[in-house]
C-alpha atoms as a PDB file:
ATOM      1  CA  UNK A   1     -26.139 -98.571  78.457  1.00  0.00           C
ATOM      2  CA  UNK A   2     -22.648 -99.364  76.999  1.00  0.00           C
ATOM      3  CA  UNK A   3     -22.199-101.581  74.018  1.00  0.00           C
ATOM      4  CA  UNK A   4     -22.096-105.359  75.161  1.00  0.00           C
ATOM      5  CA  UNK A   5     -19.094-107.330  74.227  1.00  0.00           C
ATOM      6  CA  UNK A   6     -19.253-109.550  71.204  1.00  0.00           C
ATOM      7  CA  UNK A   7     -20.288-113.098  71.657  1.00  0.00           C
ATOM      8  CA  UNK A   8     -17.843-115.741  70.433  1.00  0.00           C
ATOM      9  CA  UNK A   9     -18.684-117.170  66.987  1.00  0.00           C
ATOM     10  CA  UNK A  10     -16.770-119.553  64.727  1.00  0.00           C
ATOM     11  CA  UNK A  11     -16.802-118.157  61.172  1.00  0.00           C
ATOM     12  CA  UNK A  12     -18.588-120.380  58.575  1.00  0.00           C
ATOM     13  CA  UNK A  13     -16.709-121.916  55.856  1.00  0.00           C
ATOM     14  CA  UNK A  14     -15.981-119.900  52.691  1.00  0.00           C
ATOM     15  CA  UNK A  15     -19.051-119.944  50.607  1.00  0.00           C
ATOM     16  CA  UNK A  16     -20.792-117.268  48.422  1.00  0.00           C
ATOM     17  CA  UNK A  17     -22.514-114.800  50.754  1.00  0.00           C
ATOM     18  CA  UNK A  18     -25.928-113.705  50.163  1.00  0.00           C
ATOM     19  CA  UNK A  19     -26.554-111.535  53.252  1.00  0.00           C
ATOM     20  CA  UNK A  20     -25.178-109.970  56.328  1.00  0.00           C
ATOM     21  CA  UNK A  21     -26.565-110.914  59.759  1.00  0.00           C
ATOM     22  CA  UNK A  22     -26.051-109.824  63.454  1.00  0.00           C
ATOM     23  CA  UNK A  23     -27.643-110.686  66.791  1.00  0.00           C
ATOM     24  CA  UNK A  24     -28.156-109.253  70.140  1.00  0.00           C
ATOM     25  CA  UNK A  25     -29.360-110.571  73.381  1.00  0.00           C
ATOM     26  CA  UNK A  26     -29.816-109.106  76.948  1.00  0.00           C
ATOM     27  CA  UNK A  27     -31.183-109.983  80.469  1.00  0.00           C
ATOM     28  CA  UNK A  28     -32.958-106.738  80.809  1.00  0.00           C
ATOM     29  CA  UNK A  29     -34.586-106.042  84.057  1.00  0.00           C
ATOM     30  CA  UNK A  30     -36.484-109.376  84.259  1.00  0.00           C
ATOM     31  CA  UNK A  31     -37.989-109.607  87.734  1.00  0.00           C
ATOM     32  CA  UNK A  32     -36.705-113.131  88.081  1.00  0.00           C
ATOM     33  CA  UNK A  33     -33.170-112.097  87.170  1.00  0.00           C
ATOM     34  CA  UNK A  34     -32.989-115.021  84.744  1.00  0.00           C
ATOM     35  CA  UNK A  35     -32.013-115.123  81.027  1.00  0.00           C
ATOM     36  CA  UNK A  36     -34.585-117.355  79.583  1.00  0.00           C
ATOM     37  CA  UNK A  37     -34.166-116.350  75.863  1.00  0.00           C
ATOM     38  CA  UNK A  38     -32.134-118.587  73.737  1.00  0.00           C
ATOM     39  CA  UNK A  39     -31.306-118.374  69.971  1.00  0.00           C
ATOM     40  CA  UNK A  40     -29.680-120.310  66.941  1.00  0.00           C
ATOM     41  CA  UNK A  41     -27.345-118.320  64.841  1.00  0.00           C
ATOM     42  CA  UNK A  42     -26.372-119.890  61.616  1.00  0.00           C
ATOM     43  CA  UNK A  43     -24.484-122.833  62.968  1.00  0.00           C
ATOM     44  CA  UNK A  44     -24.715-122.797  66.750  1.00  0.00           C
ATOM     45  CA  UNK A  45     -26.897-121.948  69.783  1.00  0.00           C
ATOM     46  CA  UNK A  46     -26.411-119.444  72.466  1.00  0.00           C
ATOM     47  CA  UNK A  47     -27.847-118.397  75.896  1.00  0.00           C
ATOM     48  CA  UNK A  48     -26.127-115.414  77.208  1.00  0.00           C
ATOM     49  CA  UNK A  49     -27.036-112.575  79.671  1.00  0.00           C
ATOM     50  CA  UNK A  50     -25.570-109.946  77.365  1.00  0.00           C
ATOM     51  CA  UNK A  51     -23.947-109.959  73.960  1.00  0.00           C
ATOM     52  CA  UNK A  52     -23.943-108.684  70.479  1.00  0.00           C
ATOM     53  CA  UNK A  53     -22.507-110.833  67.576  1.00  0.00           C
ATOM     54  CA  UNK A  54     -20.108-109.587  64.904  1.00  0.00           C
ATOM     55  CA  UNK A  55     -21.671-108.925  61.713  1.00  0.00           C
ATOM     56  CA  UNK A  56     -21.462-112.290  59.881  1.00  0.00           C
ATOM     57  CA  UNK A  57     -21.787-113.248  56.221  1.00  0.00           C
ATOM     58  CA  UNK A  58     -24.681-115.555  55.348  1.00  0.00           C
ATOM     59  CA  UNK A  59     -24.615-118.443  52.818  1.00  0.00           C
ATOM     60  CA  UNK A  60     -27.357-120.670  51.553  1.00  0.00           C
ATOM     61  CA  UNK A  61     -29.066-122.543  53.070  1.00  0.00           C
ATOM     62  CA  UNK A  62     -29.224-120.747  56.434  1.00  0.00           C
ATOM     63  CA  UNK A  63     -31.230-120.934  59.670  1.00  0.00           C
ATOM     64  CA  UNK A  64     -31.884-118.315  62.360  1.00  0.00           C
ATOM     65  CA  UNK A  65     -34.142-118.648  65.275  1.00  0.00           C
ATOM     66  CA  UNK A  66     -35.131-117.382  68.894  1.00  0.00           C
ATOM     67  CA  UNK A  67     -36.918-119.072  71.603  1.00  0.00           C
ATOM     68  CA  UNK A  68     -38.352-117.391  74.664  1.00  0.00           C
ATOM     69  CA  UNK A  69     -38.771-119.157  77.871  1.00  0.00           C
ATOM     70  CA  UNK A  70     -42.181-118.548  79.205  1.00  0.00           C
ATOM     71  CA  UNK A  71     -41.745-116.612  82.554  1.00  0.00           C
ATOM     72  CA  UNK A  72     -44.516-118.419  84.433  1.00  0.00           C
ATOM     73  CA  UNK A  73     -41.813-120.984  85.242  1.00  0.00           C
ATOM     74  CA  UNK A  74     -38.331-120.199  86.838  1.00  0.00           C
ATOM     75  CA  UNK A  75     -37.017-123.259  84.786  1.00  0.00           C
ATOM     76  CA  UNK A  76     -38.149-122.237  81.364  1.00  0.00           C
ATOM     77  CA  UNK A  77     -34.550-121.316  80.352  1.00  0.00           C
ATOM     78  CA  UNK A  78     -34.131-124.974  80.122  1.00  0.00           C
ATOM     79  CA  UNK A  79     -36.856-125.402  77.682  1.00  0.00           C
ATOM     80  CA  UNK A  80     -35.698-122.558  75.317  1.00  0.00           C
ATOM     81  CA  UNK A  81     -32.188-123.929  75.530  1.00  0.00           C
ATOM     82  CA  UNK A  82     -33.655-127.364  74.451  1.00  0.00           C
ATOM     83  CA  UNK A  83     -35.396-125.841  71.554  1.00  0.00           C
ATOM     84  CA  UNK A  84     -32.176-124.290  69.979  1.00  0.00           C
ATOM     85  CA  UNK A  85     -30.107-127.262  70.915  1.00  0.00           C
ATOM     86  CA  UNK A  86     -32.599-129.321  68.943  1.00  0.00           C
ATOM     87  CA  UNK A  87     -32.464-127.027  66.064  1.00  0.00           C
ATOM     88  CA  UNK A  88     -28.797-127.214  65.984  1.00  0.00           C
ATOM     89  CA  UNK A  89     -28.854-131.036  65.905  1.00  0.00           C
ATOM     90  CA  UNK A  90     -31.415-131.027  63.073  1.00  0.00           C
ATOM     91  CA  UNK A  91     -29.639-128.364  61.012  1.00  0.00           C
ATOM     92  CA  UNK A  92     -26.235-130.090  61.322  1.00  0.00           C
ATOM     93  CA  UNK A  93     -27.687-133.526  60.418  1.00  0.00           C
ATOM     94  CA  UNK A  94     -30.255-132.756  57.786  1.00  0.00           C
ATOM     95  CA  UNK A  95     -30.553-129.284  57.008  1.00  0.00           C
ATOM     96  CA  UNK A  96     -34.294-129.536  57.510  1.00  0.00           C
ATOM     97  CA  UNK A  97     -36.248-128.668  60.565  1.00  0.00           C
ATOM     98  CA  UNK A  98     -40.015-128.900  61.523  1.00  0.00           C
ATOM     99  CA  UNK A  99     -41.625-128.086  64.856  1.00  0.00           C
ATOM    100  CA  UNK A 100     -42.690-131.763  65.110  1.00  0.00           C
ATOM    101  CA  UNK A 101     -38.996-132.782  64.700  1.00  0.00           C
ATOM    102  CA  UNK A 102     -38.024-130.188  67.548  1.00  0.00           C
ATOM    103  CA  UNK A 103     -40.768-131.665  69.764  1.00  0.00           C
ATOM    104  CA  UNK A 104     -39.700-135.147  69.243  1.00  0.00           C
ATOM    105  CA  UNK A 105     -35.938-134.385  70.101  1.00  0.00           C
ATOM    106  CA  UNK A 106     -36.862-132.370  73.189  1.00  0.00           C
ATOM    107  CA  UNK A 107     -39.110-135.284  74.535  1.00  0.00           C
ATOM    108  CA  UNK A 108     -36.506-137.852  73.852  1.00  0.00           C
ATOM    109  CA  UNK A 109     -34.958-136.721  77.199  1.00  0.00           C
ATOM    110  CA  UNK A 110     -36.757-137.258  80.572  1.00  0.00           C
ATOM    111  CA  UNK A 111     -36.292-133.949  82.370  1.00  0.00           C
ATOM    112  CA  UNK A 112     -35.940-133.266  85.987  1.00  0.00           C
ATOM    113  CA  UNK A 113     -39.305-133.130  87.747  1.00  0.00           C
ATOM    114  CA  UNK A 114     -38.733-129.471  88.930  1.00  0.00           C
ATOM    115  CA  UNK A 115     -38.551-128.498  85.281  1.00  0.00           C
ATOM    116  CA  UNK A 116     -41.966-130.210  84.520  1.00  0.00           C
ATOM    117  CA  UNK A 117     -44.025-127.515  82.749  1.00  0.00           C
ATOM    118  CA  UNK A 118     -41.284-125.340  81.740  1.00  0.00           C
ATOM    119  CA  UNK A 119     -42.329-123.818  78.353  1.00  0.00           C
ATOM    120  CA  UNK A 120     -40.885-121.804  75.391  1.00  0.00           C
ATOM    121  CA  UNK A 121     -41.769-120.202  72.173  1.00  0.00           C
ATOM    122  CA  UNK A 122     -40.090-120.322  68.621  1.00  0.00           C
ATOM    123  CA  UNK A 123     -39.667-117.848  65.727  1.00  0.00           C
ATOM    124  CA  UNK A 124     -37.598-119.294  62.846  1.00  0.00           C
ATOM    125  CA  UNK A 125     -36.378-118.279  59.441  1.00  0.00           C
ATOM    126  CA  UNK A 126     -34.836-120.853  57.058  1.00  0.00           C
ATOM    127  CA  UNK A 127     -33.438-119.646  53.773  1.00  0.00           C
ATOM    128  CA  UNK A 128     -33.048-121.774  50.691  1.00  0.00           C
ATOM    129  CA  UNK A 129     -32.584-121.405  46.986  1.00  0.00           C
ATOM    130  CA  UNK A 130     -35.620-121.419  44.614  1.00  0.00           C
ATOM    131  CA  UNK A 131     -35.378-123.474  41.466  1.00  0.00           C
ATOM    132  CA  UNK A 132     -35.269-120.073  39.567  1.00  0.00           C
ATOM    133  CA  UNK A 133     -32.271-118.992  41.513  1.00  0.00           C
ATOM    134  CA  UNK A 134     -34.202-116.625  43.970  1.00  0.00           C
ATOM    135  CA  UNK A 135     -34.171-116.998  47.722  1.00  0.00           C
ATOM    136  CA  UNK A 136     -37.065-118.421  49.476  1.00  0.00           C
ATOM    137  CA  UNK A 137     -37.471-117.839  53.315  1.00  0.00           C
ATOM    138  CA  UNK A 138     -39.748-120.135  55.206  1.00  0.00           C
ATOM    139  CA  UNK A 139     -41.090-118.645  58.485  1.00  0.00           C
ATOM    140  CA  UNK A 140     -42.209-120.988  61.234  1.00  0.00           C
ATOM    141  CA  UNK A 141     -43.402-119.786  64.649  1.00  0.00           C
ATOM    142  CA  UNK A 142     -45.024-120.995  67.874  1.00  0.00           C
ATOM    143  CA  UNK A 143     -46.062-118.624  70.599  1.00  0.00           C
ATOM    144  CA  UNK A 144     -45.398-114.826  70.638  1.00  0.00           C
ATOM    145  CA  UNK A 145     -41.865-114.488  69.269  1.00  0.00           C
ATOM    146  CA  UNK A 146     -42.150-112.799  66.024  1.00  0.00           C
ATOM    147  CA  UNK A 147     -40.506-112.383  62.459  1.00  0.00           C
ATOM    148  CA  UNK A 148     -40.710-108.816  60.642  1.00  0.00           C
ATOM    149  CA  UNK A 149     -39.899-108.078  57.149  1.00  0.00           C
ATOM    150  CA  UNK A 150     -38.687-104.797  55.569  1.00  0.00           C
ATOM    151  CA  UNK A 151     -38.871-105.129  51.886  1.00  0.00           C
ATOM    152  CA  UNK A 152     -36.332-102.929  50.046  1.00  0.00           C
ATOM    153  CA  UNK A 153     -37.728 -99.308  49.353  1.00  0.00           C
ATOM    154  CA  UNK A 154     -40.580 -99.645  51.991  1.00  0.00           C
ATOM    155  CA  UNK A 155     -40.815 -97.396  54.987  1.00  0.00           C
ATOM    156  CA  UNK A 156     -42.410 -99.794  57.371  1.00  0.00           C
ATOM    157  CA  UNK A 157     -41.585-103.145  59.010  1.00  0.00           C
ATOM    158  CA  UNK A 158     -44.228-105.740  58.419  1.00  0.00           C
ATOM    159  CA  UNK A 159     -45.035-108.445  60.827  1.00  0.00           C
ATOM    160  CA  UNK A 160     -45.266-111.984  59.236  1.00  0.00           C
ATOM    161  CA  UNK A 161     -46.391-113.906  62.212  1.00  0.00           C
ATOM    162  CA  UNK A 162     -49.684-114.023  64.328  1.00  0.00           C
ATOM    163  CA  UNK A 163     -49.184-114.610  67.873  1.00  0.00           C
ATOM    164  CA  UNK A 164     -50.615-117.632  69.365  1.00  0.00           C
ATOM    165  CA  UNK A 165     -52.300-116.012  72.336  1.00  0.00           C
ATOM    166  CA  UNK A 166     -55.652-115.659  73.810  1.00  0.00           C
ATOM    167  CA  UNK A 167     -56.384-112.186  72.496  1.00  0.00           C
ATOM    168  CA  UNK A 168     -55.878-113.344  68.911  1.00  0.00           C
ATOM    169  CA  UNK A 169     -58.090-116.417  69.443  1.00  0.00           C
ATOM    170  CA  UNK A 170     -60.889-114.090  70.803  1.00  0.00           C
ATOM    171  CA  UNK A 171     -60.334-111.887  67.623  1.00  0.00           C
ATOM    172  CA  UNK A 172     -60.763-114.828  65.521  1.00  0.00           C
ATOM    173  CA  UNK A 173     -63.903-116.091  67.430  1.00  0.00           C
ATOM    174  CA  UNK A 174     -65.534-112.498  67.179  1.00  0.00           C
ATOM    175  CA  UNK A 175     -64.980-112.419  63.356  1.00  0.00           C
ATOM    176  CA  UNK A 176     -66.393-115.928  63.000  1.00  0.00           C
ATOM    177  CA  UNK A 177     -69.584-114.953  64.950  1.00  0.00           C
ATOM    178  CA  UNK A 178     -70.033-111.889  62.650  1.00  0.00           C
ATOM    179  CA  UNK A 179     -69.352-113.848  59.538  1.00  0.00           C
ATOM    180  CA  UNK A 180     -66.179-111.942  58.350  1.00  0.00           C
ATOM    181  CA  UNK A 181     -62.630-112.367  57.699  1.00  0.00           C
ATOM    182  CA  UNK A 182     -60.114-111.083  60.112  1.00  0.00           C
ATOM    183  CA  UNK A 183     -57.589-108.379  58.779  1.00  0.00           C
ATOM    184  CA  UNK A 184     -54.168-109.371  59.598  1.00  0.00           C
ATOM    185  CA  UNK A 185     -53.756-105.853  60.923  1.00  0.00           C
ATOM    186  CA  UNK A 186     -56.280-106.814  63.672  1.00  0.00           C
ATOM    187  CA  UNK A 187     -53.780-109.295  65.198  1.00  0.00           C
ATOM    188  CA  UNK A 188     -50.672-108.723  67.367  1.00  0.00           C
ATOM    189  CA  UNK A 189     -51.911-105.467  69.033  1.00  0.00           C
ATOM    190  CA  UNK A 190     -48.918-103.853  70.512  1.00  0.00           C
ATOM    191  CA  UNK A 191     -48.102-102.778  73.909  1.00  0.00           C
ATOM    192  CA  UNK A 192     -47.136-104.250  77.217  1.00  0.00           C
ATOM    193  CA  UNK A 193     -48.283-107.755  77.957  1.00  0.00           C
ATOM    194  CA  UNK A 194     -51.413-108.448  80.047  1.00  0.00           C
ATOM    195  CA  UNK A 195     -53.474-111.528  80.765  1.00  0.00           C
ATOM    196  CA  UNK A 196     -55.033-111.582  77.312  1.00  0.00           C
ATOM    197  CA  UNK A 197     -51.473-112.058  75.880  1.00  0.00           C
ATOM    198  CA  UNK A 198     -51.115-115.560  77.526  1.00  0.00           C
ATOM    199  CA  UNK A 199     -49.670-117.739  74.786  1.00  0.00           C
ATOM    200  CA  UNK A 200     -51.853-120.765  73.755  1.00  0.00           C
ATOM    201  CA  UNK A 201     -49.131-122.808  71.805  1.00  0.00           C
ATOM    202  CA  UNK A 202     -45.626-123.456  73.181  1.00  0.00           C
ATOM    203  CA  UNK A 203     -42.973-126.202  73.591  1.00  0.00           C
ATOM    204  CA  UNK A 204     -42.992-127.702  77.156  1.00  0.00           C
ATOM    205  CA  UNK A 205     -40.671-130.078  79.083  1.00  0.00           C
ATOM    206  CA  UNK A 206     -42.216-133.259  80.694  1.00  0.00           C
ATOM    207  CA  UNK A 207     -40.702-135.253  83.498  1.00  0.00           C
ATOM    208  CA  UNK A 208     -42.508-138.538  82.657  1.00  0.00           C
ATOM    209  CA  UNK A 209     -43.908-140.278  79.589  1.00  0.00           C
ATOM    210  CA  UNK A 210     -47.108-138.103  79.418  1.00  0.00           C
ATOM    211  CA  UNK A 211     -45.614-136.518  76.139  1.00  0.00           C
ATOM    212  CA  UNK A 212     -46.398-139.916  74.411  1.00  0.00           C
ATOM    213  CA  UNK A 213     -50.089-139.169  74.543  1.00  0.00           C
ATOM    214  CA  UNK A 214     -49.937-135.453  73.932  1.00  0.00           C
ATOM    215  CA  UNK A 215     -49.756-133.612  70.686  1.00  0.00           C
ATOM    216  CA  UNK A 216     -46.827-131.382  69.577  1.00  0.00           C
ATOM    217  CA  UNK A 217     -47.590-127.646  69.504  1.00  0.00           C
ATOM    218  CA  UNK A 218     -49.336-126.374  66.483  1.00  0.00           C
ATOM    219  CA  UNK A 219     -47.032-124.043  64.569  1.00  0.00           C
ATOM    220  CA  UNK A 220     -47.917-121.488  61.822  1.00  0.00           C
ATOM    221  CA  UNK A 221     -45.651-121.081  58.828  1.00  0.00           C
ATOM    222  CA  UNK A 222     -45.494-118.995  55.533  1.00  0.00           C
ATOM    223  CA  UNK A 223     -43.043-118.566  52.685  1.00  0.00           C
ATOM    224  CA  UNK A 224     -41.794-115.299  51.105  1.00  0.00           C
ATOM    225  CA  UNK A 225     -39.517-114.690  48.274  1.00  0.00           C
ATOM    226  CA  UNK A 226     -36.663-112.543  49.272  1.00  0.00           C
ATOM    227  CA  UNK A 227     -35.075-109.792  47.031  1.00  0.00           C
ATOM    228  CA  UNK A 228     -31.799-107.889  47.199  1.00  0.00           C
ATOM    229  CA  UNK A 229     -32.079-105.141  49.939  1.00  0.00           C
ATOM    230  CA  UNK A 230     -34.761-106.951  51.957  1.00  0.00           C
ATOM    231  CA  UNK A 231     -34.396-107.174  55.661  1.00  0.00           C
ATOM    232  CA  UNK A 232     -35.741-109.643  58.300  1.00  0.00           C
ATOM    233  CA  UNK A 233     -35.752-109.336  62.137  1.00  0.00           C
ATOM    234  CA  UNK A 234     -36.479-112.358  64.360  1.00  0.00           C
ATOM    235  CA  UNK A 235     -37.198-111.354  67.837  1.00  0.00           C
ATOM    236  CA  UNK A 236     -38.665-112.394  71.335  1.00  0.00           C
ATOM    237  CA  UNK A 237     -41.522-110.456  72.915  1.00  0.00           C
ATOM    238  CA  UNK A 238     -39.151-108.517  75.066  1.00  0.00           C
ATOM    239  CA  UNK A 239     -38.387-106.435  71.943  1.00  0.00           C
ATOM    240  CA  UNK A 240     -41.724-105.977  70.200  1.00  0.00           C
ATOM    241  CA  UNK A 241     -43.711-105.616  73.459  1.00  0.00           C
ATOM    242  CA  UNK A 242     -41.779-102.623  74.450  1.00  0.00           C
ATOM    243  CA  UNK A 243     -40.748-100.906  71.373  1.00  0.00           C
ATOM    244  CA  UNK A 244     -43.537-101.169  68.541  1.00  0.00           C
ATOM    245  CA  UNK A 245     -42.117-101.804  65.009  1.00  0.00           C
ATOM    246  CA  UNK A 246     -43.267 -98.331  63.984  1.00  0.00           C
ATOM    247  CA  UNK A 247     -40.545 -96.932  66.099  1.00  0.00           C
ATOM    248  CA  UNK A 248     -37.785 -99.078  64.746  1.00  0.00           C
ATOM    249  CA  UNK A 249     -35.205 -97.338  62.413  1.00  0.00           C
ATOM    250  CA  UNK A 250     -35.180 -98.465  58.878  1.00  0.00           C
ATOM    251  CA  UNK A 251     -32.182-100.308  57.326  1.00  0.00           C
ATOM    252  CA  UNK A 252     -30.327 -99.653  54.067  1.00  0.00           C
ATOM    253  CA  UNK A 253     -27.126-100.833  52.490  1.00  0.00           C
ATOM    254  CA  UNK A 254     -25.014 -98.438  54.546  1.00  0.00           C
ATOM    255  CA  UNK A 255     -26.663 -99.282  57.952  1.00  0.00           C
ATOM    256  CA  UNK A 256     -24.197-100.600  60.613  1.00  0.00           C
ATOM    257  CA  UNK A 257     -26.211-103.744  61.692  1.00  0.00           C
ATOM    258  CA  UNK A 258     -24.512-104.026  65.015  1.00  0.00           C
ATOM    259  CA  UNK A 259     -25.019-100.291  65.803  1.00  0.00           C
ATOM    260  CA  UNK A 260     -28.783-100.745  64.783  1.00  0.00           C
ATOM    261  CA  UNK A 261     -29.422-103.544  67.245  1.00  0.00           C
ATOM    262  CA  UNK A 262     -27.596-101.674  70.076  1.00  0.00           C
ATOM    263  CA  UNK A 263     -29.767 -98.695  69.549  1.00  0.00           C
ATOM    264  CA  UNK A 264     -32.907-101.013  69.551  1.00  0.00           C
ATOM    265  CA  UNK A 265     -31.691-102.392  72.888  1.00  0.00           C
ATOM    266  CA  UNK A 266     -31.283 -98.810  74.161  1.00  0.00           C
ATOM    267  CA  UNK A 267     -34.966 -98.151  73.004  1.00  0.00           C
ATOM    268  CA  UNK A 268     -36.116-101.062  75.022  1.00  0.00           C
ATOM    269  CA  UNK A 269     -34.288 -99.835  78.208  1.00  0.00           C
ATOM    270  CA  UNK A 270     -35.872 -96.316  77.460  1.00  0.00           C
ATOM    271  CA  UNK A 271     -39.300 -97.473  77.042  1.00  0.00           C
ATOM    272  CA  UNK A 272     -42.219 -97.289  79.625  1.00  0.00           C
ATOM    273  CA  UNK A 273     -41.529-100.805  80.292  1.00  0.00           C
ATOM    274  CA  UNK A 274     -37.855-100.296  81.175  1.00  0.00           C
ATOM    275  CA  UNK A 275     -36.730-103.670  79.666  1.00  0.00           C
ATOM    276  CA  UNK A 276     -38.856-105.731  82.122  1.00  0.00           C
ATOM    277  CA  UNK A 277     -38.087-108.826  80.078  1.00  0.00           C
ATOM    278  CA  UNK A 278     -35.313-110.542  78.257  1.00  0.00           C
ATOM    279  CA  UNK A 279     -34.660-109.407  74.781  1.00  0.00           C
ATOM    280  CA  UNK A 280     -33.199-111.104  71.625  1.00  0.00           C
ATOM    281  CA  UNK A 281     -33.090-110.007  68.108  1.00  0.00           C
ATOM    282  CA  UNK A 282     -31.471-111.102  64.913  1.00  0.00           C
ATOM    283  CA  UNK A 283     -31.117-108.807  62.009  1.00  0.00           C
ATOM    284  CA  UNK A 284     -30.362-110.058  58.637  1.00  0.00           C
ATOM    285  CA  UNK A 285     -29.959-107.824  55.414  1.00  0.00           C
ATOM    286  CA  UNK A 286     -29.820-109.315  51.983  1.00  0.00           C
ATOM    287  CA  UNK A 287     -27.110-108.173  49.531  1.00  0.00           C
END
């Protein structure tokens, strides 16, 4: 694979930088030949068949997010796009985002009946300044898009999100029956998706007023304190299903973020799954 051309991106206003970030997205060899991933990158949303961002400075507060259209519908690209468009509107207007806010915005529009049931996931990182001057990252996710953390000086990426899927629900159920706590390492078994990987929480488009009596998807969230040298990766399942995090390269102060993401894309194409799904990843390294 050759390196994709950079996506257009308008530089942010001159503010103190606390990190560097870069994003990559690709159609892959998806059987439906549709790009159903979308992402929000600092100040705008994107849905492209192929592209890599220029490495971009990050100022506080910031927001990065990916949304993966669920392939059971050939219209789910409209749902993932609706998710990231809602994020942009909320971020521009109030610099504050909840999954309930996204849900409400998506359902203010009555969508075409052919898009009824189109669904999408979410993995989002919002960075803010703590009162003591440190950086706090709030991780929010719905479905099976994930956020990984590489603390400075460690040798293994750590997954911060538990997929909302049938397999993890069964793991919870078995642990409850046995009267024990689940170890986080029991979740998110890696490998190419099967029926047990069916997601149990997602955003969905509706073509009528049925959403008025429905509940918004249940998200999961956590907060972590970020230190200089830490890295985060936000990605769709077209990345982590095909290339387990144990096979990802580490990142240090000298790492070319764009080259790192292009290498990850090449690993996805070289995997046993041969990039059978769309892939999107956003990498951020804190100064």
